[in-house]
Amino acid sequence: MGAGHAHPLYRRGDSPVHRLPPHTKLVAVLGFVLVVVTTPREAVWAFACYAALLGAVAALARVPAGFLLRRLAIELPFVGFALLMPFVVPGERTELLGVTVSVPGLWGAWNILAKGTLGVAASVLLAATTELRALILGLQRLGLPSLLVQIASFMIRYGDVVTVELRRMSVARRSRGFEARGPRHWGVLAKTAGALFIRSYERGERVHLAMISRGYTGTMPLLDERPTARAQWATALALPLAALPLCLLALLG
């Protein structure tokens, strides 16, 4: 799978969270998200505790709050949808800041915002402390089907290659005076997309032939076979295990 490929979400560091094996962090984030989703929306205090737990993880990983908050912008479309719910969901009405809104809509909006934000924040922390290549290795260690692992690894490796090819084609168009200004230029852009697809397909065939010539048989070897220490599992699972009692209290309360 080659060398690591940095991505915009990754923040290089040497914290205890960075050093954890990627598959343990994947299991921890999945467990935490399941706990958050299971928590009743009325347990506002529980969601505040979950946020505090994520804040503690961010501090341990030395991920600044500004970095985390900027990356949370990815959920803005869901925020917009949630903000509409108090106005469109039928049911009991109440007045909030001088505006009549739906009580079920308010709870629905809170449910989406709270659980969505916590889930995205956990994912951002995972991406900030784990390189893409390491994430692929983690999925491989967890037994994800080999074909999916290979597809994901090739996407990471050759995504930048395709992007550079597209940039070259764009420079070639501009050097000939082309500038897309309206629907009449969509035909040229469509031809560009077709040419990019053909070039990518041909490159993929060449890569596949090169792999076969080097002994590729359709499966990739497990690149990380080191055993995972119990202490590493315990450290990684501390987040979902700390959140689980809060969820149980919220369910029983």
Protein backbone atom coordinates (compact mmCIF):
# COMPACT_ATOMS: atom_id res chain seq x y z
CA MET A 1 0.00 0.00 0.00
CA GLY A 2 3.01 2.17 -0.14
CA ALA A 3 3.86 5.15 1.92
CA GLY A 4 1.40 7.06 4.02
CA HIS A 5 -0.77 9.61 2.29
CA ALA A 6 -1.48 12.69 4.38
CA HIS A 7 -4.94 14.18 4.22
CA PRO A 8 -6.31 17.57 5.33
CA LEU A 9 -7.95 16.12 8.44
CA TYR A 10 -4.77 14.48 9.73
CA ARG A 11 -2.74 16.36 12.32
CA ARG A 12 0.72 14.93 12.76
CA GLY A 13 1.69 14.29 16.36
CA ASP A 14 3.10 11.83 18.88
CA SER A 15 0.34 11.71 21.47
CA PRO A 16 -0.92 8.53 23.20
CA VAL A 17 -3.94 8.62 20.87
CA HIS A 18 -1.75 8.84 17.77
CA ARG A 19 0.24 5.81 18.90
CA LEU A 20 -2.77 3.53 19.35
CA PRO A 21 -3.23 0.84 16.66
CA PRO A 22 -5.73 2.05 14.06
CA HIS A 23 -8.07 -0.94 14.39
CA THR A 24 -8.52 -0.28 18.12
CA LYS A 25 -9.46 3.32 17.40
CA LEU A 26 -11.94 2.25 14.73
CA VAL A 27 -13.67 -0.09 17.18
CA ALA A 28 -13.66 2.60 19.86
CA VAL A 29 -15.28 5.21 17.61
CA LEU A 30 -17.88 2.73 16.38
CA GLY A 31 -18.73 1.77 19.96
CA PHE A 32 -18.96 5.40 21.06
CA VAL A 33 -21.25 6.31 18.16
CA LEU A 34 -23.52 3.36 18.92
CA VAL A 35 -23.78 4.48 22.55
CA VAL A 36 -24.58 8.05 21.51
CA VAL A 37 -27.24 6.96 19.02
CA THR A 38 -28.87 4.69 21.62
CA THR A 39 -29.16 7.48 24.19
CA PRO A 40 -32.67 8.99 24.49
CA ARG A 41 -32.83 12.48 23.06
CA GLU A 42 -34.39 13.81 26.29
CA ALA A 43 -31.20 13.02 28.27
CA VAL A 44 -29.55 16.37 27.56
CA TRP A 45 -27.12 15.89 30.45
CA ALA A 46 -25.81 12.68 28.88
CA PHE A 47 -24.91 14.43 25.63
CA ALA A 48 -23.07 17.10 27.62
CA CYS A 49 -21.06 14.35 29.29
CA TYR A 50 -20.30 12.76 25.92
CA ALA A 51 -19.01 16.10 24.67
CA ALA A 52 -16.80 16.37 27.75
CA LEU A 53 -15.40 12.91 27.06
CA LEU A 54 -14.55 13.90 23.49
CA GLY A 55 -12.96 17.07 24.81
CA ALA A 56 -10.75 14.98 27.08
CA VAL A 57 -9.72 12.78 24.14
CA ALA A 58 -8.94 15.88 22.05
CA ALA A 59 -6.80 17.26 24.87
CA LEU A 60 -4.97 13.93 25.21
CA ALA A 61 -4.39 13.87 21.44
CA ARG A 62 -3.28 17.53 21.50
CA VAL A 63 -5.87 18.48 18.88
CA PRO A 64 -6.75 22.19 19.29
CA ALA A 65 -10.38 23.16 19.70
CA GLY A 66 -10.17 25.47 16.67
CA PHE A 67 -8.96 22.64 14.45
CA LEU A 68 -11.83 20.44 15.61
CA LEU A 69 -14.49 23.14 15.24
CA ARG A 70 -13.39 24.05 11.71
CA ARG A 71 -13.66 20.42 10.62
CA LEU A 72 -17.17 20.19 12.07
CA ALA A 73 -18.31 22.47 9.25
CA ILE A 74 -18.85 19.32 7.19
CA GLU A 75 -22.17 18.80 8.98
CA LEU A 76 -23.62 22.19 8.03
CA PRO A 77 -26.15 20.68 5.54
CA PHE A 78 -27.57 18.56 8.37
CA VAL A 79 -27.69 21.61 10.62
CA GLY A 80 -29.75 23.43 8.01
CA PHE A 81 -32.16 20.50 7.79
CA ALA A 82 -32.44 20.33 11.59
CA LEU A 83 -33.19 24.04 11.88
CA LEU A 84 -36.18 23.60 9.56
CA MET A 85 -37.77 20.84 11.62
CA PRO A 86 -39.34 23.07 14.33
CA PHE A 87 -41.26 24.89 11.59
CA VAL A 88 -42.43 21.96 9.45
CA VAL A 89 -43.03 19.06 11.87
CA PRO A 90 -46.69 18.88 12.99
CA GLY A 91 -47.69 18.54 16.63
CA GLU A 92 -47.92 20.56 19.81
CA ARG A 93 -46.84 24.17 19.34
CA THR A 94 -44.95 26.44 21.69
CA GLU A 95 -43.36 29.87 21.55
CA LEU A 96 -39.59 30.23 21.38
CA LEU A 97 -37.96 33.66 21.15
CA GLY A 98 -41.25 35.11 19.93
CA VAL A 99 -41.71 32.48 17.21
CA THR A 100 -44.25 29.66 17.26
CA VAL A 101 -42.53 26.32 16.72
CA SER A 102 -43.34 22.61 16.99
CA VAL A 103 -42.35 20.81 20.19
CA PRO A 104 -41.72 17.47 18.39
CA GLY A 105 -39.77 19.42 15.78
CA LEU A 106 -37.59 20.99 18.47
CA TRP A 107 -36.81 17.59 19.95
CA GLY A 108 -36.14 16.18 16.49
CA ALA A 109 -33.77 19.04 15.68
CA TRP A 110 -31.97 18.59 18.99
CA ASN A 111 -31.69 14.85 18.37
CA ILE A 112 -30.06 15.38 14.97
CA LEU A 113 -27.75 18.16 16.12
CA ALA A 114 -26.58 16.47 19.31
CA LYS A 115 -26.02 12.98 17.95
CA GLY A 116 -24.76 14.15 14.57
CA THR A 117 -22.28 16.60 16.06
CA LEU A 118 -20.91 14.06 18.52
CA GLY A 119 -20.56 11.43 15.79
CA VAL A 120 -18.82 13.83 13.43
CA ALA A 121 -16.53 15.06 16.21
CA ALA A 122 -15.51 11.50 17.06
CA SER A 123 -14.82 10.81 13.37
CA VAL A 124 -12.78 14.01 13.05
CA LEU A 125 -10.68 13.03 16.06
CA LEU A 126 -10.11 9.61 14.50
CA ALA A 127 -9.02 11.18 11.21
CA ALA A 128 -6.88 13.78 12.99
CA THR A 129 -4.88 11.12 14.80
CA THR A 130 -4.71 8.39 12.13
CA GLU A 131 -3.21 8.50 8.64
CA LEU A 132 -5.30 7.22 5.75
CA ARG A 133 -2.95 4.32 5.12
CA ALA A 134 -3.19 3.34 8.79
CA LEU A 135 -6.98 3.42 8.60
CA ILE A 136 -6.87 1.01 5.68
CA LEU A 137 -4.55 -1.27 7.63
CA GLY A 138 -6.95 -1.08 10.56
CA LEU A 139 -9.87 -2.14 8.38
CA GLN A 140 -7.73 -4.99 7.09
CA ARG A 141 -6.93 -6.11 10.65
CA LEU A 142 -10.65 -6.04 11.51
CA GLY A 143 -11.42 -8.48 8.70
CA LEU A 144 -13.03 -6.19 6.15
CA PRO A 145 -13.41 -8.09 2.83
CA SER A 146 -10.11 -8.04 0.95
CA LEU A 147 -11.66 -6.62 -2.21
CA LEU A 148 -13.03 -3.58 -0.36
CA VAL A 149 -9.68 -3.01 1.33
CA GLN A 150 -7.90 -3.10 -2.03
CA ILE A 151 -10.39 -0.72 -3.64
CA ALA A 152 -10.00 1.75 -0.77
CA SER A 153 -6.21 1.55 -0.83
CA PHE A 154 -6.08 2.13 -4.60
CA MET A 155 -8.46 5.09 -4.26
CA ILE A 156 -6.10 6.66 -1.73
CA ARG A 157 -3.01 5.96 -3.80
CA TYR A 158 -4.34 7.11 -7.17
CA GLY A 159 -6.80 9.81 -6.14
CA ASP A 160 -4.02 12.39 -6.20
CA VAL A 161 -2.80 11.04 -9.56
CA VAL A 162 -6.22 11.57 -11.14
CA THR A 163 -6.48 15.03 -9.56
CA VAL A 164 -3.12 16.04 -11.04
CA GLU A 165 -4.20 14.72 -14.46
CA LEU A 166 -7.39 16.79 -14.26
CA ARG A 167 -5.37 19.86 -13.32
CA ARG A 168 -3.11 19.37 -16.36
CA MET A 169 -6.13 19.14 -18.63
CA SER A 170 -7.53 22.32 -17.09
CA VAL A 171 -4.23 24.14 -17.68
CA ALA A 172 -4.21 22.91 -21.29
CA ARG A 173 -7.73 24.28 -21.84
CA ARG A 174 -6.90 27.66 -20.34
CA SER A 175 -3.67 27.92 -22.37
CA ARG A 176 -5.85 27.66 -25.50
CA GLY A 177 -8.11 30.46 -24.32
CA PHE A 178 -10.98 28.30 -23.07
CA GLU A 179 -12.99 29.49 -20.08
CA ALA A 180 -16.29 27.90 -19.04
CA ARG A 181 -18.86 30.67 -18.78
CA GLY A 182 -22.20 29.04 -19.43
CA PRO A 183 -24.20 26.04 -20.63
CA ARG A 184 -22.74 26.29 -24.13
CA HIS A 185 -19.41 25.16 -22.69
CA TRP A 186 -20.80 22.13 -20.92
CA GLY A 187 -20.04 19.98 -23.96
CA VAL A 188 -16.33 20.71 -23.62
CA LEU A 189 -16.41 19.92 -19.91
CA ALA A 190 -18.25 16.66 -20.64
CA LYS A 191 -15.58 15.69 -23.17
CA THR A 192 -12.94 16.49 -20.55
CA ALA A 193 -14.64 14.18 -18.08
CA GLY A 194 -14.81 11.43 -20.71
CA ALA A 195 -11.14 11.83 -21.60
CA LEU A 196 -10.22 11.75 -17.90
CA PHE A 197 -12.19 8.53 -17.46
CA ILE A 198 -10.45 6.88 -20.44
CA ARG A 199 -7.00 7.94 -19.24
CA SER A 200 -7.73 6.69 -15.72
CA TYR A 201 -9.06 3.39 -17.06
CA GLU A 202 -5.97 2.89 -19.23
CA ARG A 203 -3.70 3.75 -16.32
CA GLY A 204 -5.56 1.24 -14.16
CA GLU A 205 -5.02 -1.47 -16.78
CA ARG A 206 -1.30 -0.72 -16.89
CA VAL A 207 -1.08 -0.82 -13.09
CA HIS A 208 -2.97 -4.13 -13.02
CA LEU A 209 -0.61 -5.68 -15.59
CA ALA A 210 2.38 -4.44 -13.63
CA MET A 211 0.99 -6.01 -10.45
CA ILE A 212 0.34 -9.34 -12.17
CA SER A 213 3.89 -9.36 -13.53
CA ARG A 214 5.10 -9.01 -9.94
CA GLY A 215 3.07 -11.97 -8.66
CA TYR A 216 -0.29 -10.41 -7.74
CA THR A 217 -2.96 -13.12 -7.44
CA GLY A 218 -6.00 -11.08 -6.41
CA THR A 219 -5.28 -10.76 -2.70
CA MET A 220 -3.02 -8.47 -0.73
CA PRO A 221 -0.86 -9.75 2.15
CA LEU A 222 -1.64 -8.63 5.68
CA LEU A 223 0.87 -5.83 6.13
CA ASP A 224 0.61 -5.49 9.90
CA GLU A 225 0.57 -8.75 11.83
CA ARG A 226 1.88 -7.43 15.14
CA PRO A 227 -0.28 -8.51 18.09
CA THR A 228 -2.23 -5.81 19.89
CA ALA A 229 -1.47 -5.49 23.60
CA ARG A 230 -4.33 -5.59 26.08
CA ALA A 231 -3.25 -2.20 27.41
CA GLN A 232 -3.74 -0.71 23.94
CA TRP A 233 -7.24 -2.16 23.69
CA ALA A 234 -8.03 -0.90 27.19
CA THR A 235 -6.84 2.60 26.35
CA ALA A 236 -8.77 2.75 23.09
CA LEU A 237 -11.99 1.35 24.55
CA ALA A 238 -11.90 3.73 27.51
CA LEU A 239 -14.04 6.20 25.55
CA PRO A 240 -17.02 3.94 24.73
CA LEU A 241 -16.78 2.16 28.10
CA ALA A 242 -16.93 5.51 29.91
CA ALA A 243 -19.93 6.55 27.82
CA LEU A 244 -21.84 3.29 28.27
CA PRO A 245 -22.88 3.82 31.94
CA LEU A 246 -24.20 7.27 31.03
CA CYS A 247 -26.33 5.72 28.30
CA LEU A 248 -27.68 3.08 30.68
CA LEU A 249 -28.56 5.73 33.26
CA ALA A 250 -30.35 7.74 30.59
CA LEU A 251 -32.31 4.67 29.44
CA LEU A 252 -33.31 3.73 32.98
CA GLY A 253 -33.99 7.26 34.13
